[in-house]
């Protein structure tokens, strides 16, 4: 198995984790931990784990000129991304948020074309359309979206979150040519901690740690270790071998995995809509991942 195939495999794993994290995180929020407090816990845990891992794996020196780039990545990839998603989700419905998040690969494709000259090809464009179609079929198959004035602010925050993460994926890509993934992700979360700290410290201090049930401790550990550390590290590692557009495309697998898990537990059932949606998503994966390489600029015809 070559490095690109490994990257695709681990992206599947990362999105399985992301798919499970929404349900798991809601077990702890907001009854036991408020959103910004939870984000601060995530970031502190990630910083401690990443710095410890970096000491044993790869302690690279970072050029002074690159600290600003890492700080910007921390702003868009950790602070704005995580805080606005949790805030937006508290002000809108999960179904609205899921649909809005399907715009992320589109934004990545546009930012990639503007900032790192990644080609916009017919194959990539069709692949993204297929992915959006498949994801929305799955999402709307269980619940109807309800966009209204009441959810506007929350919807807007989720959209800004999706745009922020798209910009992060594109900005971090050039750094992958120079540094190891552990070096980059460690510094990104270190800078992210400074941004998140003022917003989350009071909510974190309000947590009654001695009253947390064992299941909530498990939920917090899952989010810190798997969703934050493992999934983020997988995504940034995949960028060494794949384009930002391909990495972002895997977001369309999340509703598919959610449906598979629900079917496995007898909470949902398999039908033609789900099979059609799965076929669209995987066809899109193929088209996006086999598009022209970065730097081969082409126009969409």
C-alpha atoms as a PDB file:
ATOM      1  CA  UNK A   1       0.000   0.000   0.000  1.00  0.00           C
ATOM      2  CA  UNK A   2       1.556   3.326  -1.060  1.00  0.00           C
ATOM      3  CA  UNK A   3       1.529   6.528   0.984  1.00  0.00           C
ATOM      4  CA  UNK A   4      -1.482   8.014  -0.810  1.00  0.00           C
ATOM      5  CA  UNK A   5      -3.568   4.905  -0.133  1.00  0.00           C
ATOM      6  CA  UNK A   6      -2.537   5.028   3.512  1.00  0.00           C
ATOM      7  CA  UNK A   7      -3.611   8.686   3.605  1.00  0.00           C
ATOM      8  CA  UNK A   8      -7.038   7.796   2.173  1.00  0.00           C
ATOM      9  CA  UNK A   9      -7.454   4.975   4.679  1.00  0.00           C
ATOM     10  CA  UNK A  10      -6.606   7.161   7.662  1.00  0.00           C
ATOM     11  CA  UNK A  11      -8.914   9.908   6.426  1.00  0.00           C
ATOM     12  CA  UNK A  12     -11.733   7.359   6.582  1.00  0.00           C
ATOM     13  CA  UNK A  13     -10.720   6.621  10.183  1.00  0.00           C
ATOM     14  CA  UNK A  14     -10.594  10.336  11.052  1.00  0.00           C
ATOM     15  CA  UNK A  15     -14.071  10.936   9.699  1.00  0.00           C
ATOM     16  CA  UNK A  16     -15.431   7.914  11.540  1.00  0.00           C
ATOM     17  CA  UNK A  17     -14.138   9.624  14.690  1.00  0.00           C
ATOM     18  CA  UNK A  18     -15.674  12.956  13.684  1.00  0.00           C
ATOM     19  CA  UNK A  19     -18.971  11.269  12.902  1.00  0.00           C
ATOM     20  CA  UNK A  20     -19.113   9.700  16.352  1.00  0.00           C
ATOM     21  CA  UNK A  21     -17.924  12.813  18.171  1.00  0.00           C
ATOM     22  CA  UNK A  22     -21.080  14.860  17.636  1.00  0.00           C
ATOM     23  CA  UNK A  23     -23.201  12.405  19.614  1.00  0.00           C
ATOM     24  CA  UNK A  24     -20.516  11.800  22.229  1.00  0.00           C
ATOM     25  CA  UNK A  25     -19.828  15.509  22.795  1.00  0.00           C
ATOM     26  CA  UNK A  26     -23.523  16.201  23.305  1.00  0.00           C
ATOM     27  CA  UNK A  27     -23.467  13.790  26.245  1.00  0.00           C
ATOM     28  CA  UNK A  28     -21.269  16.274  28.097  1.00  0.00           C
ATOM     29  CA  UNK A  29     -22.625  19.566  26.729  1.00  0.00           C
ATOM     30  CA  UNK A  30     -24.149  21.707  28.023  1.00  0.00           C
ATOM     31  CA  UNK A  31     -25.297  19.860  31.155  1.00  0.00           C
ATOM     32  CA  UNK A  32     -21.806  19.190  32.497  1.00  0.00           C
ATOM     33  CA  UNK A  33     -19.509  21.425  30.430  1.00  0.00           C
ATOM     34  CA  UNK A  34     -20.354  24.626  28.549  1.00  0.00           C
ATOM     35  CA  UNK A  35     -19.205  24.809  24.882  1.00  0.00           C
ATOM     36  CA  UNK A  36     -16.283  27.242  25.194  1.00  0.00           C
ATOM     37  CA  UNK A  37     -15.109  25.507  28.361  1.00  0.00           C
ATOM     38  CA  UNK A  38     -15.162  22.180  26.506  1.00  0.00           C
ATOM     39  CA  UNK A  39     -13.119  23.679  23.661  1.00  0.00           C
ATOM     40  CA  UNK A  40     -10.522  24.972  26.116  1.00  0.00           C
ATOM     41  CA  UNK A  41     -10.317  21.503  27.698  1.00  0.00           C
ATOM     42  CA  UNK A  42      -9.823  20.019  24.211  1.00  0.00           C
ATOM     43  CA  UNK A  43      -7.068  22.449  23.316  1.00  0.00           C
ATOM     44  CA  UNK A  44      -5.208  22.168  26.636  1.00  0.00           C
ATOM     45  CA  UNK A  45      -5.323  18.377  26.408  1.00  0.00           C
ATOM     46  CA  UNK A  46      -4.118  18.465  22.807  1.00  0.00           C
ATOM     47  CA  UNK A  47      -1.233  20.823  23.607  1.00  0.00           C
ATOM     48  CA  UNK A  48      -0.035  18.592  26.450  1.00  0.00           C
ATOM     49  CA  UNK A  49      -0.263  15.421  24.357  1.00  0.00           C
ATOM     50  CA  UNK A  50       1.313  16.936  21.243  1.00  0.00           C
ATOM     51  CA  UNK A  51       4.278  18.469  23.087  1.00  0.00           C
ATOM     52  CA  UNK A  52       4.889  15.173  24.897  1.00  0.00           C
ATOM     53  CA  UNK A  53       4.696  13.217  21.634  1.00  0.00           C
ATOM     54  CA  UNK A  54       6.951  15.716  19.869  1.00  0.00           C
ATOM     55  CA  UNK A  55       9.700  15.211  22.436  1.00  0.00           C
ATOM     56  CA  UNK A  56       9.848  11.507  21.595  1.00  0.00           C
ATOM     57  CA  UNK A  57       9.065  11.530  17.861  1.00  0.00           C
ATOM     58  CA  UNK A  58      10.513  14.553  16.113  1.00  0.00           C
ATOM     59  CA  UNK A  59      11.809  17.723  17.748  1.00  0.00           C
ATOM     60  CA  UNK A  60      12.312  19.986  14.740  1.00  0.00           C
ATOM     61  CA  UNK A  61      13.406  23.587  14.950  1.00  0.00           C
ATOM     62  CA  UNK A  62      10.980  26.032  13.344  1.00  0.00           C
ATOM     63  CA  UNK A  63      12.278  28.968  11.321  1.00  0.00           C
ATOM     64  CA  UNK A  64      11.366  32.313  12.878  1.00  0.00           C
ATOM     65  CA  UNK A  65       9.621  33.434   9.684  1.00  0.00           C
ATOM     66  CA  UNK A  66       7.201  30.494   9.911  1.00  0.00           C
ATOM     67  CA  UNK A  67       5.845  31.240  13.388  1.00  0.00           C
ATOM     68  CA  UNK A  68       3.448  33.851  11.982  1.00  0.00           C
ATOM     69  CA  UNK A  69       2.111  31.310   9.470  1.00  0.00           C
ATOM     70  CA  UNK A  70       1.589  28.772  12.262  1.00  0.00           C
ATOM     71  CA  UNK A  71      -0.128  31.419  14.391  1.00  0.00           C
ATOM     72  CA  UNK A  72      -2.531  32.204  11.524  1.00  0.00           C
ATOM     73  CA  UNK A  73      -3.233  28.484  11.075  1.00  0.00           C
ATOM     74  CA  UNK A  74      -3.962  28.259  14.808  1.00  0.00           C
ATOM     75  CA  UNK A  75      -6.436  31.132  14.496  1.00  0.00           C
ATOM     76  CA  UNK A  76      -8.387  29.639  11.583  1.00  0.00           C
ATOM     77  CA  UNK A  77      -7.875  25.928  12.271  1.00  0.00           C
ATOM     78  CA  UNK A  78      -8.425  25.854  16.021  1.00  0.00           C
ATOM     79  CA  UNK A  79      -9.913  29.036  17.503  1.00  0.00           C
ATOM     80  CA  UNK A  80     -12.425  30.354  14.944  1.00  0.00           C
ATOM     81  CA  UNK A  81     -13.195  26.888  13.605  1.00  0.00           C
ATOM     82  CA  UNK A  82     -13.981  25.210  16.916  1.00  0.00           C
ATOM     83  CA  UNK A  83     -15.557  28.100  18.810  1.00  0.00           C
ATOM     84  CA  UNK A  84     -17.924  29.196  16.049  1.00  0.00           C
ATOM     85  CA  UNK A  85     -19.014  25.634  15.325  1.00  0.00           C
ATOM     86  CA  UNK A  86     -20.003  24.966  18.924  1.00  0.00           C
ATOM     87  CA  UNK A  87     -21.573  28.407  19.283  1.00  0.00           C
ATOM     88  CA  UNK A  88     -23.433  28.051  16.001  1.00  0.00           C
ATOM     89  CA  UNK A  89     -24.656  24.572  16.849  1.00  0.00           C
ATOM     90  CA  UNK A  90     -26.165  25.912  20.066  1.00  0.00           C
ATOM     91  CA  UNK A  91     -28.164  28.485  18.046  1.00  0.00           C
ATOM     92  CA  UNK A  92     -29.332  26.345  15.122  1.00  0.00           C
ATOM     93  CA  UNK A  93     -30.353  22.745  14.458  1.00  0.00           C
ATOM     94  CA  UNK A  94     -27.919  19.866  13.839  1.00  0.00           C
ATOM     95  CA  UNK A  95     -29.586  19.281  10.456  1.00  0.00           C
ATOM     96  CA  UNK A  96     -28.981  22.890   9.370  1.00  0.00           C
ATOM     97  CA  UNK A  97     -25.358  22.658  10.530  1.00  0.00           C
ATOM     98  CA  UNK A  98     -24.811  19.393   8.660  1.00  0.00           C
ATOM     99  CA  UNK A  99     -26.126  20.853   5.410  1.00  0.00           C
ATOM    100  CA  UNK A 100     -24.098  24.060   5.752  1.00  0.00           C
ATOM    101  CA  UNK A 101     -20.924  22.053   6.393  1.00  0.00           C
ATOM    102  CA  UNK A 102     -21.241  20.486   2.946  1.00  0.00           C
ATOM    103  CA  UNK A 103     -19.928  23.783   1.545  1.00  0.00           C
ATOM    104  CA  UNK A 104     -16.488  23.147   3.129  1.00  0.00           C
ATOM    105  CA  UNK A 105     -14.895  21.280   0.173  1.00  0.00           C
ATOM    106  CA  UNK A 106     -16.228  23.924  -2.220  1.00  0.00           C
ATOM    107  CA  UNK A 107     -14.522  26.653  -0.180  1.00  0.00           C
ATOM    108  CA  UNK A 108     -11.325  24.578  -0.027  1.00  0.00           C
ATOM    109  CA  UNK A 109     -11.336  24.210  -3.811  1.00  0.00           C
ATOM    110  CA  UNK A 110     -11.740  27.966  -4.280  1.00  0.00           C
ATOM    111  CA  UNK A 111      -9.098  28.909  -1.676  1.00  0.00           C
ATOM    112  CA  UNK A 112      -6.711  26.314  -3.151  1.00  0.00           C
ATOM    113  CA  UNK A 113      -7.071  27.829  -6.619  1.00  0.00           C
ATOM    114  CA  UNK A 114      -6.481  31.347  -5.303  1.00  0.00           C
ATOM    115  CA  UNK A 115      -3.695  30.731  -2.786  1.00  0.00           C
ATOM    116  CA  UNK A 116      -1.710  27.659  -3.834  1.00  0.00           C
ATOM    117  CA  UNK A 117      -2.714  27.385  -7.507  1.00  0.00           C
ATOM    118  CA  UNK A 118      -4.381  24.004  -7.186  1.00  0.00           C
ATOM    119  CA  UNK A 119      -6.165  23.193 -10.423  1.00  0.00           C
ATOM    120  CA  UNK A 120      -9.951  23.419 -10.674  1.00  0.00           C
ATOM    121  CA  UNK A 121     -10.872  20.624 -13.034  1.00  0.00           C
ATOM    122  CA  UNK A 122     -14.107  19.189 -14.315  1.00  0.00           C
ATOM    123  CA  UNK A 123     -13.451  15.917 -12.429  1.00  0.00           C
ATOM    124  CA  UNK A 124     -12.988  17.675  -9.101  1.00  0.00           C
ATOM    125  CA  UNK A 125     -16.000  19.904  -9.630  1.00  0.00           C
ATOM    126  CA  UNK A 126     -18.268  16.981 -10.576  1.00  0.00           C
ATOM    127  CA  UNK A 127     -16.904  14.961  -7.646  1.00  0.00           C
ATOM    128  CA  UNK A 128     -17.788  17.706  -5.167  1.00  0.00           C
ATOM    129  CA  UNK A 129     -21.283  18.051  -6.649  1.00  0.00           C
ATOM    130  CA  UNK A 130     -21.767  14.287  -6.267  1.00  0.00           C
ATOM    131  CA  UNK A 131     -20.545  14.438  -2.665  1.00  0.00           C
ATOM    132  CA  UNK A 132     -22.864  17.310  -1.767  1.00  0.00           C
ATOM    133  CA  UNK A 133     -25.793  15.483  -3.395  1.00  0.00           C
ATOM    134  CA  UNK A 134     -25.091  12.225  -1.559  1.00  0.00           C
ATOM    135  CA  UNK A 135     -24.593  13.923   1.816  1.00  0.00           C
ATOM    136  CA  UNK A 136     -27.785  15.971   1.533  1.00  0.00           C
ATOM    137  CA  UNK A 137     -29.808  12.903   0.476  1.00  0.00           C
ATOM    138  CA  UNK A 138     -28.624  11.140   3.641  1.00  0.00           C
ATOM    139  CA  UNK A 139     -29.160  14.154   5.886  1.00  0.00           C
ATOM    140  CA  UNK A 140     -32.635  14.970   4.607  1.00  0.00           C
ATOM    141  CA  UNK A 141     -33.602  11.304   4.637  1.00  0.00           C
ATOM    142  CA  UNK A 142     -34.184  11.437   8.379  1.00  0.00           C
ATOM    143  CA  UNK A 143     -35.003  15.048   9.242  1.00  0.00           C
ATOM    144  CA  UNK A 144     -36.091  18.088   7.271  1.00  0.00           C
ATOM    145  CA  UNK A 145     -34.017  21.267   7.387  1.00  0.00           C
ATOM    146  CA  UNK A 146     -35.680  24.433   8.657  1.00  0.00           C
ATOM    147  CA  UNK A 147     -33.795  27.599   7.766  1.00  0.00           C
ATOM    148  CA  UNK A 148     -35.448  30.654   9.312  1.00  0.00           C
ATOM    149  CA  UNK A 149     -34.738  34.035  10.872  1.00  0.00           C
ATOM    150  CA  UNK A 150     -34.562  32.350  14.280  1.00  0.00           C
ATOM    151  CA  UNK A 151     -31.621  30.187  13.213  1.00  0.00           C
ATOM    152  CA  UNK A 152     -29.888  32.783  11.028  1.00  0.00           C
ATOM    153  CA  UNK A 153     -27.110  33.728  13.473  1.00  0.00           C
ATOM    154  CA  UNK A 154     -26.356  30.097  14.254  1.00  0.00           C
ATOM    155  CA  UNK A 155     -26.364  29.186  10.571  1.00  0.00           C
ATOM    156  CA  UNK A 156     -24.008  32.094   9.869  1.00  0.00           C
ATOM    157  CA  UNK A 157     -21.585  30.984  12.608  1.00  0.00           C
ATOM    158  CA  UNK A 158     -21.505  27.433  11.213  1.00  0.00           C
ATOM    159  CA  UNK A 159     -20.845  28.817   7.727  1.00  0.00           C
ATOM    160  CA  UNK A 160     -17.962  30.973   9.013  1.00  0.00           C
ATOM    161  CA  UNK A 161     -16.616  27.904  10.818  1.00  0.00           C
ATOM    162  CA  UNK A 162     -16.694  25.885   7.573  1.00  0.00           C
ATOM    163  CA  UNK A 163     -14.960  28.705   5.689  1.00  0.00           C
ATOM    164  CA  UNK A 164     -12.362  29.125   8.432  1.00  0.00           C
ATOM    165  CA  UNK A 165     -11.457  25.422   8.411  1.00  0.00           C
ATOM    166  CA  UNK A 166     -11.265  25.478   4.604  1.00  0.00           C
ATOM    167  CA  UNK A 167      -8.795  28.361   4.734  1.00  0.00           C
ATOM    168  CA  UNK A 168      -6.767  26.518   7.398  1.00  0.00           C
ATOM    169  CA  UNK A 169      -6.425  23.398   5.229  1.00  0.00           C
ATOM    170  CA  UNK A 170      -5.092  25.484   2.352  1.00  0.00           C
ATOM    171  CA  UNK A 171      -2.736  27.635   4.458  1.00  0.00           C
ATOM    172  CA  UNK A 172      -1.199  24.663   6.256  1.00  0.00           C
ATOM    173  CA  UNK A 173      -0.477  22.712   3.040  1.00  0.00           C
ATOM    174  CA  UNK A 174       2.769  24.578   2.102  1.00  0.00           C
ATOM    175  CA  UNK A 175       4.143  24.053   5.608  1.00  0.00           C
ATOM    176  CA  UNK A 176       3.843  20.284   5.113  1.00  0.00           C
ATOM    177  CA  UNK A 177       6.661  20.459   2.564  1.00  0.00           C
ATOM    178  CA  UNK A 178       9.004  21.784   5.225  1.00  0.00           C
ATOM    179  CA  UNK A 179       8.066  20.199   8.558  1.00  0.00           C
ATOM    180  CA  UNK A 180       6.793  16.952  10.036  1.00  0.00           C
ATOM    181  CA  UNK A 181       3.067  16.780  10.876  1.00  0.00           C
ATOM    182  CA  UNK A 182       3.685  16.563  14.634  1.00  0.00           C
ATOM    183  CA  UNK A 183       5.738  19.779  14.555  1.00  0.00           C
ATOM    184  CA  UNK A 184       3.035  21.686  12.688  1.00  0.00           C
ATOM    185  CA  UNK A 185       0.059  20.459  14.700  1.00  0.00           C
ATOM    186  CA  UNK A 186       1.860  21.088  18.008  1.00  0.00           C
ATOM    187  CA  UNK A 187       2.490  24.733  17.193  1.00  0.00           C
ATOM    188  CA  UNK A 188      -0.965  25.240  15.665  1.00  0.00           C
ATOM    189  CA  UNK A 189      -2.630  24.094  18.894  1.00  0.00           C
ATOM    190  CA  UNK A 190      -0.153  26.031  21.038  1.00  0.00           C
ATOM    191  CA  UNK A 191      -1.102  29.268  19.303  1.00  0.00           C
ATOM    192  CA  UNK A 192      -4.749  28.186  19.336  1.00  0.00           C
ATOM    193  CA  UNK A 193      -4.590  27.894  23.132  1.00  0.00           C
ATOM    194  CA  UNK A 194      -3.769  31.597  23.466  1.00  0.00           C
ATOM    195  CA  UNK A 195      -6.782  32.522  21.328  1.00  0.00           C
ATOM    196  CA  UNK A 196      -9.247  30.191  23.055  1.00  0.00           C
ATOM    197  CA  UNK A 197      -8.135  30.753  26.664  1.00  0.00           C
ATOM    198  CA  UNK A 198      -9.916  34.105  27.338  1.00  0.00           C
ATOM    199  CA  UNK A 199     -13.221  32.754  25.992  1.00  0.00           C
ATOM    200  CA  UNK A 200     -13.176  29.391  27.753  1.00  0.00           C
ATOM    201  CA  UNK A 201     -11.423  29.835  31.079  1.00  0.00           C
ATOM    202  CA  UNK A 202     -14.479  30.857  33.117  1.00  0.00           C
ATOM    203  CA  UNK A 203     -16.631  28.035  31.734  1.00  0.00           C
ATOM    204  CA  UNK A 204     -13.857  25.520  32.382  1.00  0.00           C
ATOM    205  CA  UNK A 205     -13.478  26.738  35.975  1.00  0.00           C
ATOM    206  CA  UNK A 206     -17.233  26.292  36.468  1.00  0.00           C
ATOM    207  CA  UNK A 207     -17.038  22.555  35.727  1.00  0.00           C
ATOM    208  CA  UNK A 208     -17.799  20.460  38.815  1.00  0.00           C
ATOM    209  CA  UNK A 209     -15.142  17.853  38.124  1.00  0.00           C
ATOM    210  CA  UNK A 210     -15.866  15.859  41.279  1.00  0.00           C
ATOM    211  CA  UNK A 211     -19.489  15.370  40.190  1.00  0.00           C
ATOM    212  CA  UNK A 212     -18.810  14.135  36.662  1.00  0.00           C
ATOM    213  CA  UNK A 213     -20.107  10.604  36.000  1.00  0.00           C
ATOM    214  CA  UNK A 214     -17.671   8.063  34.583  1.00  0.00           C
ATOM    215  CA  UNK A 215     -19.452   8.172  31.207  1.00  0.00           C
ATOM    216  CA  UNK A 216     -18.852  11.929  30.947  1.00  0.00           C
ATOM    217  CA  UNK A 217     -15.163  11.460  31.760  1.00  0.00           C
ATOM    218  CA  UNK A 218     -15.117   8.913  28.938  1.00  0.00           C
ATOM    219  CA  UNK A 219     -16.791  11.383  26.569  1.00  0.00           C
ATOM    220  CA  UNK A 220     -14.254  14.090  27.438  1.00  0.00           C
ATOM    221  CA  UNK A 221     -11.335  11.686  26.922  1.00  0.00           C
ATOM    222  CA  UNK A 222     -12.768  10.571  23.567  1.00  0.00           C
ATOM    223  CA  UNK A 223     -13.075  14.177  22.354  1.00  0.00           C
ATOM    224  CA  UNK A 224      -9.623  15.215  23.607  1.00  0.00           C
ATOM    225  CA  UNK A 225      -7.633  12.158  22.534  1.00  0.00           C
ATOM    226  CA  UNK A 226      -9.421  10.899  19.426  1.00  0.00           C
ATOM    227  CA  UNK A 227     -11.429  13.790  17.974  1.00  0.00           C
ATOM    228  CA  UNK A 228      -8.890  16.508  18.747  1.00  0.00           C
ATOM    229  CA  UNK A 229      -5.487  14.823  18.738  1.00  0.00           C
ATOM    230  CA  UNK A 230      -5.790  11.764  16.503  1.00  0.00           C
ATOM    231  CA  UNK A 231      -8.192  13.182  13.899  1.00  0.00           C
ATOM    232  CA  UNK A 232      -6.390  16.528  13.568  1.00  0.00           C
ATOM    233  CA  UNK A 233      -3.027  14.797  13.257  1.00  0.00           C
ATOM    234  CA  UNK A 234      -4.410  12.433  10.602  1.00  0.00           C
ATOM    235  CA  UNK A 235      -5.800  15.326   8.557  1.00  0.00           C
ATOM    236  CA  UNK A 236      -2.594  17.333   8.636  1.00  0.00           C
ATOM    237  CA  UNK A 237      -0.534  14.208   7.871  1.00  0.00           C
ATOM    238  CA  UNK A 238      -2.749  13.413   4.881  1.00  0.00           C
ATOM    239  CA  UNK A 239      -1.958  16.851   3.474  1.00  0.00           C
ATOM    240  CA  UNK A 240       1.611  15.668   2.889  1.00  0.00           C
ATOM    241  CA  UNK A 241       0.344  13.316   0.176  1.00  0.00           C
ATOM    242  CA  UNK A 242      -3.079  14.636  -0.893  1.00  0.00           C
ATOM    243  CA  UNK A 243      -4.522  17.976  -1.942  1.00  0.00           C
ATOM    244  CA  UNK A 244      -6.535  20.102   0.539  1.00  0.00           C
ATOM    245  CA  UNK A 245      -9.620  19.533  -1.644  1.00  0.00           C
ATOM    246  CA  UNK A 246      -9.297  15.747  -1.351  1.00  0.00           C
ATOM    247  CA  UNK A 247      -8.774  15.914   2.428  1.00  0.00           C
ATOM    248  CA  UNK A 248     -11.804  18.173   2.894  1.00  0.00           C
ATOM    249  CA  UNK A 249     -13.986  15.982   0.665  1.00  0.00           C
ATOM    250  CA  UNK A 250     -14.070  13.251   3.296  1.00  0.00           C
ATOM    251  CA  UNK A 251     -16.501  15.355   5.322  1.00  0.00           C
ATOM    252  CA  UNK A 252     -19.189  13.857   3.057  1.00  0.00           C
ATOM    253  CA  UNK A 253     -18.501  10.441   4.598  1.00  0.00           C
ATOM    254  CA  UNK A 254     -19.643  11.596   8.031  1.00  0.00           C
ATOM    255  CA  UNK A 255     -23.423  11.371   7.423  1.00  0.00           C
ATOM    256  CA  UNK A 256     -22.828   8.068   5.621  1.00  0.00           C
ATOM    257  CA  UNK A 257     -20.987   6.643   8.628  1.00  0.00           C
ATOM    258  CA  UNK A 258     -23.702   7.966  10.934  1.00  0.00           C
ATOM    259  CA  UNK A 259     -26.299   6.107   8.858  1.00  0.00           C
ATOM    260  CA  UNK A 260     -24.235   2.898   8.898  1.00  0.00           C
ATOM    261  CA  UNK A 261     -23.852   3.057  12.685  1.00  0.00           C
ATOM    262  CA  UNK A 262     -27.583   3.713  13.101  1.00  0.00           C
ATOM    263  CA  UNK A 263     -28.424   0.737  10.862  1.00  0.00           C
ATOM    264  CA  UNK A 264     -26.010  -1.463  12.810  1.00  0.00           C
ATOM    265  CA  UNK A 265     -27.766  -0.612  16.075  1.00  0.00           C
ATOM    266  CA  UNK A 266     -31.211  -1.097  14.577  1.00  0.00           C
ATOM    267  CA  UNK A 267     -32.025   2.625  14.769  1.00  0.00           C
ATOM    268  CA  UNK A 268     -32.364   3.011  11.006  1.00  0.00           C
ATOM    269  CA  UNK A 269     -32.824   0.838   7.936  1.00  0.00           C
ATOM    270  CA  UNK A 270     -31.187   0.380   4.561  1.00  0.00           C
ATOM    271  CA  UNK A 271     -33.112   1.645   1.541  1.00  0.00           C
ATOM    272  CA  UNK A 272     -32.569   2.777  -2.030  1.00  0.00           C
ATOM    273  CA  UNK A 273     -31.953   6.398  -1.002  1.00  0.00           C
ATOM    274  CA  UNK A 274     -29.073   5.415   1.290  1.00  0.00           C
ATOM    275  CA  UNK A 275     -27.536   3.113  -1.306  1.00  0.00           C
ATOM    276  CA  UNK A 276     -27.808   5.839  -3.955  1.00  0.00           C
ATOM    277  CA  UNK A 277     -26.273   8.401  -1.597  1.00  0.00           C
ATOM    278  CA  UNK A 278     -23.365   6.079  -0.766  1.00  0.00           C
ATOM    279  CA  UNK A 279     -22.741   5.472  -4.484  1.00  0.00           C
ATOM    280  CA  UNK A 280     -22.691   9.234  -5.166  1.00  0.00           C
ATOM    281  CA  UNK A 281     -20.271   9.920  -2.304  1.00  0.00           C
ATOM    282  CA  UNK A 282     -17.800   7.190  -3.259  1.00  0.00           C
ATOM    283  CA  UNK A 283     -17.966   8.154  -6.937  1.00  0.00           C
ATOM    284  CA  UNK A 284     -17.131  11.676  -5.823  1.00  0.00           C
ATOM    285  CA  UNK A 285     -14.166  10.425  -3.763  1.00  0.00           C
ATOM    286  CA  UNK A 286     -12.762   8.799  -6.879  1.00  0.00           C
ATOM    287  CA  UNK A 287     -13.222  11.868  -9.070  1.00  0.00           C
ATOM    288  CA  UNK A 288     -11.787  14.340  -6.563  1.00  0.00           C
ATOM    289  CA  UNK A 289      -8.798  12.158  -5.656  1.00  0.00           C
ATOM    290  CA  UNK A 290      -7.878  11.514  -9.299  1.00  0.00           C
ATOM    291  CA  UNK A 291      -8.136  15.150 -10.386  1.00  0.00           C
ATOM    292  CA  UNK A 292      -5.153  17.119 -11.696  1.00  0.00           C
ATOM    293  CA  UNK A 293      -2.279  17.662  -9.291  1.00  0.00           C
ATOM    294  CA  UNK A 294      -1.610  20.993  -7.629  1.00  0.00           C
ATOM    295  CA  UNK A 295       0.180  23.425  -9.820  1.00  0.00           C
ATOM    296  CA  UNK A 296      -1.352  22.147 -13.068  1.00  0.00           C
ATOM    297  CA  UNK A 297      -3.737  25.028 -13.406  1.00  0.00           C
ATOM    298  CA  UNK A 298      -6.718  24.308 -15.612  1.00  0.00           C
ATOM    299  CA  UNK A 299      -9.979  26.079 -16.237  1.00  0.00           C
ATOM    300  CA  UNK A 300     -13.330  24.475 -15.648  1.00  0.00           C
ATOM    301  CA  UNK A 301     -15.039  24.075 -18.961  1.00  0.00           C
END
